[in-house]
């Protein structure tokens, strides 16, 4: 495989287990998937299907029991993966004593950039994230949508080749979530990073992703994969298109909500 076609991320036969109430349980069972360079992949599945566990493994926060995790074609250990991706979890996790600019600079600081330089770099990007004029505001002074934008800036600013998003809009109201989905689609067009997004929202997956991977109930395995029909760039008007409606119905069927699961 040539370097240009090599996946940014490749998971091969991942098995992950854990102990709960004295029982030995399997979270992921032989899971394999890829995320290409400049590809946006969404992961959907029932609660408890191992989606967040998978992101923790990719980020290097957990070690799989068996199987290989490759970054740019190289097999990696959990320790080697630490810091190789940017990981945005479900809550914004902004520090209440830091301003918007200072919170956004944290990812760069963790990468070894001095605080003063990191804050200058963050301040220069505030306008692109809809935060112009709020650099000196504290998290308690921001709306939920603005807090998420600040968290996205913190995640993207270090310019990692692989971004991991775990339900980034899950805590938002429907209107704010819809607005930020459109905003993120536009931001991705500019950045073109490789993205692995975990979501429970089928419409969000279709709207944002190039491919959507459906997991089985625990233990998590790949049950179905859909290449999204929508062209890029994405716009909100596409949710009424025949392609969007068809892809949404296909995923719901794969999840077992409409008739028999897809083969």
Protein backbone atom coordinates (compact mmCIF):
# COMPACT_ATOMS: atom_id res chain seq x y z
CA UNK A 1 0.00 0.00 0.00
CA UNK A 2 1.40 3.42 -0.97
CA UNK A 3 1.80 6.03 1.78
CA UNK A 4 -0.89 8.24 0.17
CA UNK A 5 -3.46 5.42 0.40
CA UNK A 6 -2.40 4.11 3.80
CA UNK A 7 -5.12 4.64 6.46
CA UNK A 8 -4.43 7.21 9.15
CA UNK A 9 -5.85 4.74 11.69
CA UNK A 10 -6.30 1.00 11.40
CA UNK A 11 -7.81 -1.24 14.07
CA UNK A 12 -7.40 -4.96 13.51
CA UNK A 13 -9.24 -7.64 15.52
CA UNK A 14 -9.43 -5.54 18.69
CA UNK A 15 -10.57 -7.41 21.81
CA UNK A 16 -11.10 -5.51 25.06
CA UNK A 17 -12.43 -6.95 28.32
CA UNK A 18 -13.20 -5.60 31.78
CA UNK A 19 -14.36 -6.74 35.21
CA UNK A 20 -17.72 -5.68 36.65
CA UNK A 21 -19.38 -7.02 39.81
CA UNK A 22 -17.08 -10.01 39.75
CA UNK A 23 -17.90 -10.83 36.12
CA UNK A 24 -15.48 -10.91 33.21
CA UNK A 25 -17.17 -9.00 30.37
CA UNK A 26 -16.16 -8.37 26.77
CA UNK A 27 -16.51 -4.76 25.53
CA UNK A 28 -15.06 -5.22 22.03
CA UNK A 29 -14.81 -8.57 20.28
CA UNK A 30 -12.66 -8.76 17.15
CA UNK A 31 -13.43 -5.24 15.98
CA UNK A 32 -11.70 -4.00 12.83
CA UNK A 33 -12.06 -0.63 11.09
CA UNK A 34 -10.07 2.06 9.32
CA UNK A 35 -10.07 5.85 9.13
CA UNK A 36 -8.40 7.23 6.03
CA UNK A 37 -6.41 10.42 5.68
CA UNK A 38 -8.75 13.42 5.62
CA UNK A 39 -11.71 11.09 6.18
CA UNK A 40 -14.60 11.67 8.59
CA UNK A 41 -15.90 8.40 10.06
CA UNK A 42 -18.85 8.18 12.47
CA UNK A 43 -19.43 5.29 14.85
CA UNK A 44 -22.98 4.50 16.00
CA UNK A 45 -24.37 1.69 18.10
CA UNK A 46 -26.40 0.85 21.20
CA UNK A 47 -25.32 2.06 24.64
CA UNK A 48 -22.69 -0.28 26.04
CA UNK A 49 -21.43 -1.40 22.63
CA UNK A 50 -17.89 -0.25 23.41
CA UNK A 51 -17.76 3.01 21.42
CA UNK A 52 -16.10 5.07 24.16
CA UNK A 53 -13.81 2.16 25.04
CA UNK A 54 -12.65 2.12 21.44
CA UNK A 55 -11.82 5.85 21.54
CA UNK A 56 -9.92 5.37 24.82
CA UNK A 57 -7.85 2.63 23.16
CA UNK A 58 -7.07 4.78 20.11
CA UNK A 59 -6.11 7.70 22.35
CA UNK A 60 -3.73 5.50 24.36
CA UNK A 61 -5.72 5.76 27.59
CA UNK A 62 -6.42 2.01 27.56
CA UNK A 63 -4.61 -1.05 26.28
CA UNK A 64 -6.55 -3.60 24.27
CA UNK A 65 -6.34 -7.27 25.32
CA UNK A 66 -5.38 -8.31 21.79
CA UNK A 67 -5.34 -6.99 18.25
CA UNK A 68 -3.34 -4.23 16.58
CA UNK A 69 -3.73 -0.46 16.47
CA UNK A 70 -1.83 1.12 13.58
CA UNK A 71 -1.22 4.83 13.11
CA UNK A 72 0.04 5.73 9.63
CA UNK A 73 0.81 2.06 9.04
CA UNK A 74 2.86 1.52 12.21
CA UNK A 75 1.76 -0.85 14.99
CA UNK A 76 1.63 1.14 18.25
CA UNK A 77 1.44 0.51 21.97
CA UNK A 78 -0.91 2.51 24.18
CA UNK A 79 2.04 4.53 25.47
CA UNK A 80 3.14 5.37 21.94
CA UNK A 81 -0.37 6.55 21.07
CA UNK A 82 -0.57 9.05 23.93
CA UNK A 83 -0.55 12.54 22.45
CA UNK A 84 -0.77 11.33 18.85
CA UNK A 85 -4.45 12.30 18.56
CA UNK A 86 -6.68 15.02 19.99
CA UNK A 87 -9.58 13.69 22.06
CA UNK A 88 -12.75 15.66 22.85
CA UNK A 89 -14.96 13.86 25.33
CA UNK A 90 -18.67 14.26 26.05
CA UNK A 91 -18.44 17.24 28.42
CA UNK A 92 -16.54 20.40 27.48
CA UNK A 93 -14.31 20.06 30.60
CA UNK A 94 -13.43 23.77 30.56
CA UNK A 95 -11.57 24.91 33.68
CA UNK A 96 -13.77 27.44 35.52
CA UNK A 97 -10.83 29.59 36.62
CA UNK A 98 -9.47 30.00 33.09
CA UNK A 99 -10.77 32.38 30.43
CA UNK A 100 -11.95 31.20 27.02
CA UNK A 101 -8.55 31.97 25.49
CA UNK A 102 -6.69 30.29 28.32
CA UNK A 103 -8.90 27.19 28.15
CA UNK A 104 -8.45 26.95 24.38
CA UNK A 105 -4.67 27.10 24.85
CA UNK A 106 -4.56 24.02 27.08
CA UNK A 107 -4.10 21.52 24.25
CA UNK A 108 -1.06 23.41 22.98
CA UNK A 109 0.35 23.72 26.49
CA UNK A 110 0.01 19.95 26.89
CA UNK A 111 2.05 19.60 23.70
CA UNK A 112 4.90 21.63 25.23
CA UNK A 113 4.08 25.13 23.96
CA UNK A 114 4.54 27.89 26.54
CA UNK A 115 1.36 29.34 28.00
CA UNK A 116 1.97 32.83 26.60
CA UNK A 117 2.59 31.58 23.07
CA UNK A 118 -0.32 29.12 23.27
CA UNK A 119 -2.70 31.87 24.37
CA UNK A 120 -1.59 34.12 21.51
CA UNK A 121 -2.24 31.30 19.04
CA UNK A 122 -5.65 30.61 20.60
CA UNK A 123 -6.62 34.30 20.57
CA UNK A 124 -5.83 34.50 16.85
CA UNK A 125 -8.36 31.71 16.15
CA UNK A 126 -11.27 32.91 18.29
CA UNK A 127 -13.08 34.57 15.39
CA UNK A 128 -13.06 31.36 13.34
CA UNK A 129 -14.79 29.52 16.20
CA UNK A 130 -17.49 32.15 16.78
CA UNK A 131 -15.82 33.37 19.97
CA UNK A 132 -14.57 36.80 18.91
CA UNK A 133 -15.08 39.22 21.79
CA UNK A 134 -15.34 36.44 24.38
CA UNK A 135 -11.65 35.66 24.87
CA UNK A 136 -11.63 37.09 28.40
CA UNK A 137 -14.93 35.51 29.44
CA UNK A 138 -15.04 32.63 31.91
CA UNK A 139 -16.96 29.39 31.23
CA UNK A 140 -19.83 30.40 33.52
CA UNK A 141 -20.40 33.44 31.28
CA UNK A 142 -20.71 31.39 28.08
CA UNK A 143 -23.70 29.62 26.56
CA UNK A 144 -23.57 25.86 26.10
CA UNK A 145 -22.85 26.25 22.39
CA UNK A 146 -20.01 28.69 23.02
CA UNK A 147 -18.49 26.37 25.61
CA UNK A 148 -18.49 23.58 23.03
CA UNK A 149 -16.86 25.86 20.45
CA UNK A 150 -14.14 26.66 22.98
CA UNK A 151 -13.66 22.94 23.58
CA UNK A 152 -13.41 22.35 19.82
CA UNK A 153 -10.79 25.09 19.54
CA UNK A 154 -8.79 23.49 22.36
CA UNK A 155 -9.01 20.13 20.55
CA UNK A 156 -8.15 21.35 17.05
CA UNK A 157 -5.50 23.98 17.85
CA UNK A 158 -2.61 21.49 18.29
CA UNK A 159 -3.31 20.40 14.66
CA UNK A 160 -3.17 16.66 15.30
CA UNK A 161 -3.67 14.44 12.25
CA UNK A 162 -6.36 12.41 14.03
CA UNK A 163 -9.29 13.86 16.00
CA UNK A 164 -11.49 11.77 18.32
CA UNK A 165 -14.93 13.12 19.25
CA UNK A 166 -17.12 11.36 21.83
CA UNK A 167 -20.71 12.66 21.65
CA UNK A 168 -19.56 16.30 21.45
CA UNK A 169 -23.12 17.64 21.04
CA UNK A 170 -24.92 15.20 23.31
CA UNK A 171 -25.60 17.68 26.14
CA UNK A 172 -26.92 20.48 23.90
CA UNK A 173 -30.49 21.40 23.02
CA UNK A 174 -31.74 20.43 19.56
CA UNK A 175 -31.40 23.89 17.96
CA UNK A 176 -27.87 24.49 19.27
CA UNK A 177 -26.87 20.96 18.27
CA UNK A 178 -28.14 21.50 14.72
CA UNK A 179 -26.31 24.83 14.46
CA UNK A 180 -23.03 23.33 15.66
CA UNK A 181 -23.31 20.35 13.32
CA UNK A 182 -23.41 22.74 10.35
CA UNK A 183 -20.55 24.72 11.86
CA UNK A 184 -18.42 21.59 12.40
CA UNK A 185 -19.06 20.40 8.83
CA UNK A 186 -17.75 23.73 7.55
CA UNK A 187 -14.78 23.68 9.91
CA UNK A 188 -13.85 20.17 8.77
CA UNK A 189 -13.83 21.36 5.14
CA UNK A 190 -11.12 23.84 6.16
CA UNK A 191 -9.07 21.54 8.39
CA UNK A 192 -9.44 18.16 6.59
CA UNK A 193 -8.15 16.19 9.58
CA UNK A 194 -8.97 12.51 10.00
CA UNK A 195 -11.94 12.24 12.38
CA UNK A 196 -13.51 9.38 14.34
CA UNK A 197 -16.81 10.54 15.83
CA UNK A 198 -18.92 8.57 18.32
CA UNK A 199 -22.60 9.52 18.30
CA UNK A 200 -26.03 8.10 19.11
CA UNK A 201 -27.63 10.45 16.58
CA UNK A 202 -28.11 8.76 13.19
CA UNK A 203 -28.95 12.05 11.46
CA UNK A 204 -25.79 13.63 12.88
CA UNK A 205 -23.72 10.71 11.59
CA UNK A 206 -25.15 10.97 8.07
CA UNK A 207 -24.82 14.75 7.95
CA UNK A 208 -21.19 14.89 9.11
CA UNK A 209 -19.48 11.68 8.00
CA UNK A 210 -18.04 10.16 4.84
CA UNK A 211 -18.66 6.68 6.26
CA UNK A 212 -20.81 5.45 9.14
CA UNK A 213 -19.95 2.24 11.01
CA UNK A 214 -22.66 0.50 13.05
CA UNK A 215 -21.67 -1.61 16.06
CA UNK A 216 -23.56 -4.53 17.53
CA UNK A 217 -24.76 -4.55 21.15
CA UNK A 218 -22.05 -5.59 23.62
CA UNK A 219 -19.68 -7.09 22.81
CA UNK A 220 -19.05 -4.51 20.10
CA UNK A 221 -18.40 -5.79 16.60
CA UNK A 222 -18.82 -4.09 13.24
CA UNK A 223 -22.34 -4.97 12.07
CA UNK A 224 -22.70 -2.70 9.05
CA UNK A 225 -20.87 0.03 7.15
CA UNK A 226 -22.41 2.78 5.03
CA UNK A 227 -20.71 5.12 2.59
CA UNK A 228 -22.71 8.35 2.88
CA UNK A 229 -24.33 9.48 -0.37
CA UNK A 230 -24.27 13.23 0.32
CA UNK A 231 -21.78 15.37 -1.62
CA UNK A 232 -19.50 17.88 0.06
CA UNK A 233 -19.63 20.62 1.19
CA UNK A 234 -22.63 19.85 3.38
CA UNK A 235 -25.55 22.21 3.99
CA UNK A 236 -28.58 21.89 6.25
CA UNK A 237 -30.92 21.76 3.26
CA UNK A 238 -29.53 18.29 2.51
CA UNK A 239 -31.51 16.73 5.35
CA UNK A 240 -34.58 16.86 3.10
CA UNK A 241 -32.81 15.24 0.13
CA UNK A 242 -33.66 11.71 -1.06
CA UNK A 243 -30.02 10.67 -0.44
CA UNK A 244 -30.12 11.78 3.21
CA UNK A 245 -33.48 10.13 3.84
CA UNK A 246 -32.31 6.89 2.21
CA UNK A 247 -29.05 6.77 4.15
CA UNK A 248 -30.84 7.53 7.42
CA UNK A 249 -33.34 4.74 6.81
CA UNK A 250 -30.56 2.30 5.95
CA UNK A 251 -28.77 3.02 9.23
CA UNK A 252 -31.95 2.76 11.28
CA UNK A 253 -32.59 -0.60 9.67
CA UNK A 254 -29.05 -1.68 10.47
CA UNK A 255 -29.64 -0.67 14.07
CA UNK A 256 -32.77 -2.82 14.13
CA UNK A 257 -35.32 -0.02 14.33
CA UNK A 258 -36.89 -0.71 10.94
CA UNK A 259 -37.46 -4.36 10.11
CA UNK A 260 -34.62 -6.85 9.83
CA UNK A 261 -31.01 -5.72 10.19
CA UNK A 262 -29.03 -5.21 6.99
CA UNK A 263 -26.78 -8.11 5.96
